[in-house]
Amino acid sequence: MKRICLALIAAALAGTASSIPAHAVPPTATPSPGYEARLQEQRAASRAVVAPVIKSRRVKRMRAH
Protein backbone atom coordinates (compact mmCIF):
# COMPACT_ATOMS: atom_id res chain seq x y z
CA MET A 1 0.00 0.00 0.00
CA LYS A 2 2.84 2.37 0.85
CA ARG A 3 4.51 1.70 -2.49
CA ILE A 4 1.34 2.55 -4.41
CA CYS A 5 0.93 5.81 -2.50
CA LEU A 6 4.57 6.75 -3.05
CA ALA A 7 4.28 5.93 -6.76
CA LEU A 8 1.15 8.10 -7.08
CA ILE A 9 2.82 10.99 -5.25
CA ALA A 10 5.94 10.68 -7.44
CA ALA A 11 3.79 10.64 -10.59
CA ALA A 12 1.86 13.72 -9.43
CA LEU A 13 5.10 15.61 -8.68
CA ALA A 14 6.59 14.64 -12.04
CA GLY A 15 3.44 15.79 -13.85
CA THR A 16 3.45 19.11 -12.01
CA ALA A 17 7.15 19.70 -12.66
CA SER A 18 6.79 19.00 -16.38
CA SER A 19 3.98 21.55 -16.76
CA ILE A 20 6.11 24.48 -15.47
CA PRO A 21 7.68 26.42 -18.39
CA ALA A 22 11.45 26.65 -18.47
CA HIS A 23 13.07 30.11 -18.51
CA ALA A 24 16.67 29.01 -18.84
CA VAL A 25 19.02 30.50 -21.43
CA PRO A 26 21.93 28.47 -22.73
CA PRO A 27 25.32 29.88 -21.70
CA THR A 28 26.37 30.26 -25.36
CA ALA A 29 23.50 32.63 -26.19
CA THR A 30 24.96 36.14 -26.13
CA PRO A 31 23.27 39.20 -27.60
CA SER A 32 24.89 40.65 -30.70
CA PRO A 33 26.52 44.11 -30.53
CA GLY A 34 24.29 45.38 -33.36
CA TYR A 35 21.16 44.34 -31.53
CA GLU A 36 22.33 46.02 -28.32
CA ALA A 37 23.09 49.25 -30.23
CA ARG A 38 19.61 49.25 -31.79
CA LEU A 39 18.04 48.63 -28.39
CA GLN A 40 19.90 51.56 -26.85
CA GLU A 41 18.97 53.78 -29.79
CA GLN A 42 15.32 52.81 -29.46
CA ARG A 43 15.33 53.47 -25.71
CA ALA A 44 16.94 56.88 -26.20
CA ALA A 45 14.34 57.79 -28.83
CA SER A 46 11.46 56.73 -26.61
CA ARG A 47 12.82 58.85 -23.74
CA ALA A 48 13.18 61.88 -26.01
CA VAL A 49 9.53 61.70 -27.16
CA VAL A 50 8.06 61.85 -23.67
CA ALA A 51 7.60 65.44 -22.53
CA PRO A 52 7.13 66.38 -18.89
CA VAL A 53 3.60 67.23 -17.87
CA ILE A 54 3.29 70.77 -16.57
CA LYS A 55 0.27 71.46 -14.42
CA SER A 56 -1.21 74.90 -14.59
CA ARG A 57 -1.74 76.61 -11.27
CA ARG A 58 -5.17 77.90 -10.55
CA VAL A 59 -5.27 81.05 -8.50
CA LYS A 60 -8.23 81.32 -6.22
CA ARG A 61 -9.72 84.77 -6.52
CA MET A 62 -11.34 86.47 -3.59
CA ARG A 63 -14.72 88.03 -4.25
CA ALA A 64 -15.15 91.59 -3.16
CA HIS A 65 -18.29 92.18 -1.03
PDB file of N, CA and C in Angstrom:
ATOM      1  N   MET A   1       0.825  -1.189   0.000  1.00  0.00           N
ATOM      2  CA  MET A   1       0.000   0.000   0.000  1.00  0.00           C
ATOM      3  C   MET A   1       0.867   1.250   0.000  1.00  0.00           C
ATOM      4  N   LYS A   2       1.957   1.225   0.797  1.00  0.00           N
ATOM      5  CA  LYS A   2       2.842   2.371   0.854  1.00  0.00           C
ATOM      6  C   LYS A   2       3.493   2.624  -0.502  1.00  0.00           C
ATOM      7  N   ARG A   3       3.856   1.548  -1.192  1.00  0.00           N
ATOM      8  CA  ARG A   3       4.511   1.696  -2.486  1.00  0.00           C
ATOM      9  C   ARG A   3       3.575   2.340  -3.509  1.00  0.00           C
ATOM     10  N   ILE A   4       2.313   1.979  -3.470  1.00  0.00           N
ATOM     11  CA  ILE A   4       1.343   2.548  -4.408  1.00  0.00           C
ATOM     12  C   ILE A   4       1.166   4.040  -4.132  1.00  0.00           C
ATOM     13  N   CYS A   5       1.064   4.396  -2.854  1.00  0.00           N
ATOM     14  CA  CYS A   5       0.926   5.812  -2.496  1.00  0.00           C
ATOM     15  C   CYS A   5       2.155   6.611  -2.907  1.00  0.00           C
ATOM     16  N   LEU A   6       3.337   6.060  -2.661  1.00  0.00           N
ATOM     17  CA  LEU A   6       4.566   6.747  -3.049  1.00  0.00           C
ATOM     18  C   LEU A   6       4.669   6.895  -4.569  1.00  0.00           C
ATOM     19  N   ALA A   7       4.239   5.873  -5.296  1.00  0.00           N
ATOM     20  CA  ALA A   7       4.277   5.930  -6.758  1.00  0.00           C
ATOM     21  C   ALA A   7       3.307   6.994  -7.267  1.00  0.00           C
ATOM     22  N   LEU A   8       2.130   7.092  -6.672  1.00  0.00           N
ATOM     23  CA  LEU A   8       1.149   8.098  -7.083  1.00  0.00           C
ATOM     24  C   LEU A   8       1.652   9.512  -6.774  1.00  0.00           C
ATOM     25  N   ILE A   9       2.279   9.679  -5.614  1.00  0.00           N
ATOM     26  CA  ILE A   9       2.824  10.991  -5.250  1.00  0.00           C
ATOM     27  C   ILE A   9       3.955  11.372  -6.203  1.00  0.00           C
ATOM     28  N   ALA A  10       4.832  10.415  -6.519  1.00  0.00           N
ATOM     29  CA  ALA A  10       5.937  10.681  -7.444  1.00  0.00           C
ATOM     30  C   ALA A  10       5.409  11.043  -8.828  1.00  0.00           C
ATOM     31  N   ALA A  11       4.369  10.348  -9.279  1.00  0.00           N
ATOM     32  CA  ALA A  11       3.792  10.642 -10.593  1.00  0.00           C
ATOM     33  C   ALA A  11       3.147  12.032 -10.595  1.00  0.00           C
ATOM     34  N   ALA A  12       2.487  12.389  -9.510  1.00  0.00           N
ATOM     35  CA  ALA A  12       1.865  13.717  -9.425  1.00  0.00           C
ATOM     36  C   ALA A  12       2.923  14.815  -9.430  1.00  0.00           C
ATOM     37  N   LEU A  13       4.015  14.616  -8.701  1.00  0.00           N
ATOM     38  CA  LEU A  13       5.096  15.611  -8.683  1.00  0.00           C
ATOM     39  C   LEU A  13       5.769  15.727 -10.048  1.00  0.00           C
ATOM     40  N   ALA A  14       5.962  14.606 -10.720  1.00  0.00           N
ATOM     41  CA  ALA A  14       6.590  14.636 -12.040  1.00  0.00           C
ATOM     42  C   ALA A  14       5.676  15.345 -13.049  1.00  0.00           C
ATOM     43  N   GLY A  15       4.384  15.122 -12.952  1.00  0.00           N
ATOM     44  CA  GLY A  15       3.438  15.788 -13.846  1.00  0.00           C
ATOM     45  C   GLY A  15       3.395  17.279 -13.598  1.00  0.00           C
ATOM     46  N   THR A  16       3.464  17.686 -12.343  1.00  0.00           N
ATOM     47  CA  THR A  16       3.454  19.109 -12.006  1.00  0.00           C
ATOM     48  C   THR A  16       4.748  19.778 -12.469  1.00  0.00           C
ATOM     49  N   ALA A  17       5.861  19.125 -12.279  1.00  0.00           N
ATOM     50  CA  ALA A  17       7.154  19.702 -12.664  1.00  0.00           C
ATOM     51  C   ALA A  17       7.273  19.839 -14.176  1.00  0.00           C
ATOM     52  N   SER A  18       6.678  18.923 -14.922  1.00  0.00           N
ATOM     53  CA  SER A  18       6.793  18.999 -16.381  1.00  0.00           C
ATOM     54  C   SER A  18       5.875  20.056 -16.970  1.00  0.00           C
ATOM     55  N   SER A  19       4.892  20.540 -16.222  1.00  0.00           N
ATOM     56  CA  SER A  19       3.984  21.551 -16.759  1.00  0.00           C
ATOM     57  C   SER A  19       4.490  22.975 -16.535  1.00  0.00           C
ATOM     58  N   ILE A  20       5.538  23.160 -15.738  1.00  0.00           N
ATOM     59  CA  ILE A  20       6.105  24.484 -15.473  1.00  0.00           C
ATOM     60  C   ILE A  20       7.026  24.859 -16.641  1.00  0.00           C
ATOM     61  N   PRO A  21       6.821  26.036 -17.262  1.00  0.00           N
ATOM     62  CA  PRO A  21       7.677  26.416 -18.391  1.00  0.00           C
ATOM     63  C   PRO A  21       9.102  26.738 -17.938  1.00  0.00           C
ATOM     64  N   ALA A  22      10.049  26.401 -18.783  1.00  0.00           N
ATOM     65  CA  ALA A  22      11.454  26.650 -18.471  1.00  0.00           C
ATOM     66  C   ALA A  22      11.845  28.038 -18.953  1.00  0.00           C
ATOM     67  N   HIS A  23      12.606  28.771 -18.169  1.00  0.00           N
ATOM     68  CA  HIS A  23      13.065  30.108 -18.510  1.00  0.00           C
ATOM     69  C   HIS A  23      14.587  30.174 -18.583  1.00  0.00           C
ATOM     70  N   ALA A  24      15.211  29.046 -18.822  1.00  0.00           N
ATOM     71  CA  ALA A  24      16.665  29.008 -18.845  1.00  0.00           C
ATOM     72  C   ALA A  24      17.185  29.459 -20.207  1.00  0.00           C
ATOM     73  N   VAL A  25      18.354  30.074 -20.207  1.00  0.00           N
ATOM     74  CA  VAL A  25      19.024  30.497 -21.430  1.00  0.00           C
ATOM     75  C   VAL A  25      20.340  29.749 -21.499  1.00  0.00           C
ATOM     76  N   PRO A  26      20.654  29.178 -22.640  1.00  0.00           N
ATOM     77  CA  PRO A  26      21.931  28.470 -22.726  1.00  0.00           C
ATOM     78  C   PRO A  26      23.096  29.435 -22.558  1.00  0.00           C
ATOM     79  N   PRO A  27      24.188  28.986 -21.979  1.00  0.00           N
ATOM     80  CA  PRO A  27      25.316  29.879 -21.704  1.00  0.00           C
ATOM     81  C   PRO A  27      25.973  30.425 -22.972  1.00  0.00           C
ATOM     82  N   THR A  28      25.749  29.787 -24.124  1.00  0.00           N
ATOM     83  CA  THR A  28      26.375  30.257 -25.358  1.00  0.00           C
ATOM     84  C   THR A  28      25.563  31.361 -26.031  1.00  0.00           C
ATOM     85  N   ALA A  29      24.348  31.608 -25.572  1.00  0.00           N
ATOM     86  CA  ALA A  29      23.501  32.630 -26.193  1.00  0.00           C
ATOM     87  C   ALA A  29      23.899  34.003 -25.668  1.00  0.00           C
ATOM     88  N   THR A  30      24.569  34.786 -26.512  1.00  0.00           N
ATOM     89  CA  THR A  30      24.955  36.142 -26.129  1.00  0.00           C
ATOM     90  C   THR A  30      24.334  37.110 -27.131  1.00  0.00           C
ATOM     91  N   PRO A  31      23.852  38.241 -26.671  1.00  0.00           N
ATOM     92  CA  PRO A  31      23.266  39.204 -27.599  1.00  0.00           C
ATOM     93  C   PRO A  31      24.333  39.807 -28.518  1.00  0.00           C
ATOM     94  N   SER A  32      23.925  40.100 -29.734  1.00  0.00           N
ATOM     95  CA  SER A  32      24.890  40.651 -30.696  1.00  0.00           C
ATOM     96  C   SER A  32      25.089  42.144 -30.433  1.00  0.00           C
ATOM     97  N   PRO A  33      26.261  42.687 -30.749  1.00  0.00           N
ATOM     98  CA  PRO A  33      26.518  44.114 -30.526  1.00  0.00           C
ATOM     99  C   PRO A  33      25.565  45.009 -31.326  1.00  0.00           C
ATOM    100  N   GLY A  34      25.205  44.593 -32.546  1.00  0.00           N
ATOM    101  CA  GLY A  34      24.287  45.383 -33.362  1.00  0.00           C
ATOM    102  C   GLY A  34      22.923  45.470 -32.731  1.00  0.00           C
ATOM    103  N   TYR A  35      22.461  44.360 -32.182  1.00  0.00           N
ATOM    104  CA  TYR A  35      21.156  44.338 -31.526  1.00  0.00           C
ATOM    105  C   TYR A  35      21.163  45.233 -30.296  1.00  0.00           C
ATOM    106  N   GLU A  36      22.231  45.176 -29.521  1.00  0.00           N
ATOM    107  CA  GLU A  36      22.334  46.019 -28.323  1.00  0.00           C
ATOM    108  C   GLU A  36      22.340  47.497 -28.702  1.00  0.00           C
ATOM    109  N   ALA A  37      23.042  47.849 -29.799  1.00  0.00           N
ATOM    110  CA  ALA A  37      23.093  49.247 -30.234  1.00  0.00           C
ATOM    111  C   ALA A  37      21.704  49.721 -30.659  1.00  0.00           C
ATOM    112  N   ARG A  38      20.966  48.875 -31.380  1.00  0.00           N
ATOM    113  CA  ARG A  38      19.608  49.248 -31.794  1.00  0.00           C
ATOM    114  C   ARG A  38      18.696  49.402 -30.590  1.00  0.00           C
ATOM    115  N   LEU A  39      18.862  48.532 -29.602  1.00  0.00           N
ATOM    116  CA  LEU A  39      18.043  48.634 -28.386  1.00  0.00           C
ATOM    117  C   LEU A  39      18.306  49.955 -27.672  1.00  0.00           C
ATOM    118  N   GLN A  40      19.562  50.313 -27.528  1.00  0.00           N
ATOM    119  CA  GLN A  40      19.904  51.564 -26.846  1.00  0.00           C
ATOM    120  C   GLN A  40      19.392  52.764 -27.626  1.00  0.00           C
ATOM    121  N   GLU A  41      19.469  52.695 -28.950  1.00  0.00           N
ATOM    122  CA  GLU A  41      18.971  53.782 -29.791  1.00  0.00           C
ATOM    123  C   GLU A  41      17.456  53.934 -29.650  1.00  0.00           C
ATOM    124  N   GLN A  42      16.775  52.802 -29.604  1.00  0.00           N
ATOM    125  CA  GLN A  42      15.319  52.815 -29.460  1.00  0.00           C
ATOM    126  C   GLN A  42      14.920  53.362 -28.089  1.00  0.00           C
ATOM    127  N   ARG A  43      15.634  52.975 -27.053  1.00  0.00           N
ATOM    128  CA  ARG A  43      15.327  53.473 -25.705  1.00  0.00           C
ATOM    129  C   ARG A  43      15.566  54.971 -25.607  1.00  0.00           C
ATOM    130  N   ALA A  44      16.641  55.452 -26.227  1.00  0.00           N
ATOM    131  CA  ALA A  44      16.941  56.884 -26.203  1.00  0.00           C
ATOM    132  C   ALA A  44      15.860  57.662 -26.949  1.00  0.00           C
ATOM    133  N   ALA A  45      15.385  57.116 -28.061  1.00  0.00           N
ATOM    134  CA  ALA A  45      14.341  57.788 -28.833  1.00  0.00           C
ATOM    135  C   ALA A  45      13.030  57.821 -28.069  1.00  0.00           C
ATOM    136  N   SER A  46      12.718  56.760 -27.351  1.00  0.00           N
ATOM    137  CA  SER A  46      11.458  56.733 -26.605  1.00  0.00           C
ATOM    138  C   SER A  46      11.510  57.691 -25.417  1.00  0.00           C
ATOM    139  N   ARG A  47      12.689  57.894 -24.840  1.00  0.00           N
ATOM    140  CA  ARG A  47      12.821  58.849 -23.741  1.00  0.00           C
ATOM    141  C   ARG A  47      12.713  60.284 -24.244  1.00  0.00           C
ATOM    142  N   ALA A  48      13.192  60.536 -25.461  1.00  0.00           N
ATOM    143  CA  ALA A  48      13.176  61.883 -26.006  1.00  0.00           C
ATOM    144  C   ALA A  48      11.761  62.316 -26.382  1.00  0.00           C
ATOM    145  N   VAL A  49      10.889  61.376 -26.727  1.00  0.00           N
ATOM    146  CA  VAL A  49       9.527  61.700 -27.159  1.00  0.00           C
ATOM    147  C   VAL A  49       8.671  62.135 -25.987  1.00  0.00           C
ATOM    148  N   VAL A  50       8.892  61.562 -24.838  1.00  0.00           N
ATOM    149  CA  VAL A  50       8.061  61.846 -23.672  1.00  0.00           C
ATOM    150  C   VAL A  50       8.410  63.229 -23.122  1.00  0.00           C
ATOM    151  N   ALA A  51       7.397  64.093 -23.060  1.00  0.00           N
ATOM    152  CA  ALA A  51       7.599  65.442 -22.530  1.00  0.00           C
ATOM    153  C   ALA A  51       7.040  65.499 -21.116  1.00  0.00           C
ATOM    154  N   PRO A  52       7.660  66.283 -20.250  1.00  0.00           N
ATOM    155  CA  PRO A  52       7.135  66.381 -18.888  1.00  0.00           C
ATOM    156  C   PRO A  52       5.787  67.095 -18.869  1.00  0.00           C
ATOM    157  N   VAL A  53       4.921  66.638 -17.995  1.00  0.00           N
ATOM    158  CA  VAL A  53       3.601  67.229 -17.871  1.00  0.00           C
ATOM    159  C   VAL A  53       3.686  68.415 -16.917  1.00  0.00           C
ATOM    160  N   ILE A  54       3.255  69.569 -17.388  1.00  0.00           N
ATOM    161  CA  ILE A  54       3.288  70.773 -16.565  1.00  0.00           C
ATOM    162  C   ILE A  54       1.862  71.110 -16.177  1.00  0.00           C
ATOM    163  N   LYS A  55       1.607  71.136 -14.900  1.00  0.00           N
ATOM    164  CA  LYS A  55       0.269  71.456 -14.419  1.00  0.00           C
ATOM    165  C   LYS A  55       0.143  72.965 -14.268  1.00  0.00           C
ATOM    166  N   SER A  56      -0.990  73.470 -14.740  1.00  0.00           N
ATOM    167  CA  SER A  56      -1.205  74.905 -14.589  1.00  0.00           C
ATOM    168  C   SER A  56      -1.734  75.175 -13.182  1.00  0.00           C
ATOM    169  N   ARG A  57      -1.290  76.260 -12.614  1.00  0.00           N
ATOM    170  CA  ARG A  57      -1.737  76.609 -11.268  1.00  0.00           C
ATOM    171  C   ARG A  57      -2.985  77.456 -11.357  1.00  0.00           C
ATOM    172  N   ARG A  58      -3.947  77.110 -10.599  1.00  0.00           N
ATOM    173  CA  ARG A  58      -5.168  77.900 -10.546  1.00  0.00           C
ATOM    174  C   ARG A  58      -5.088  78.817  -9.335  1.00  0.00           C
ATOM    175  N   VAL A  59      -5.327  80.080  -9.579  1.00  0.00           N
ATOM    176  CA  VAL A  59      -5.271  81.047  -8.501  1.00  0.00           C
ATOM    177  C   VAL A  59      -6.700  81.298  -8.027  1.00  0.00           C
ATOM    178  N   LYS A  60      -6.912  81.110  -6.764  1.00  0.00           N
ATOM    179  CA  LYS A  60      -8.233  81.316  -6.215  1.00  0.00           C
ATOM    180  C   LYS A  60      -8.439  82.816  -5.985  1.00  0.00           C
ATOM    181  N   ARG A  61      -9.467  83.335  -6.638  1.00  0.00           N
ATOM    182  CA  ARG A  61      -9.719  84.774  -6.520  1.00  0.00           C
ATOM    183  C   ARG A  61     -10.714  85.041  -5.400  1.00  0.00           C
ATOM    184  N   MET A  62     -10.451  86.080  -4.675  1.00  0.00           N
ATOM    185  CA  MET A  62     -11.342  86.473  -3.587  1.00  0.00           C
ATOM    186  C   MET A  62     -12.410  87.405  -4.159  1.00  0.00           C
ATOM    187  N   ARG A  63     -13.637  87.158  -3.783  1.00  0.00           N
ATOM    188  CA  ARG A  63     -14.721  88.030  -4.250  1.00  0.00           C
ATOM    189  C   ARG A  63     -14.831  89.229  -3.320  1.00  0.00           C
ATOM    190  N   ALA A  64     -14.999  90.372  -3.940  1.00  0.00           N
ATOM    191  CA  ALA A  64     -15.146  91.594  -3.159  1.00  0.00           C
ATOM    192  C   ALA A  64     -16.624  91.772  -2.754  1.00  0.00           C
ATOM    193  N   HIS A  65     -16.916  92.021  -1.508  1.00  0.00           N
ATOM    194  CA  HIS A  65     -18.288  92.178  -1.033  1.00  0.00           C
ATOM    195  C   HIS A  65     -18.565  93.609  -0.688  1.00  0.00           C
TER     196      HIS A  65
END
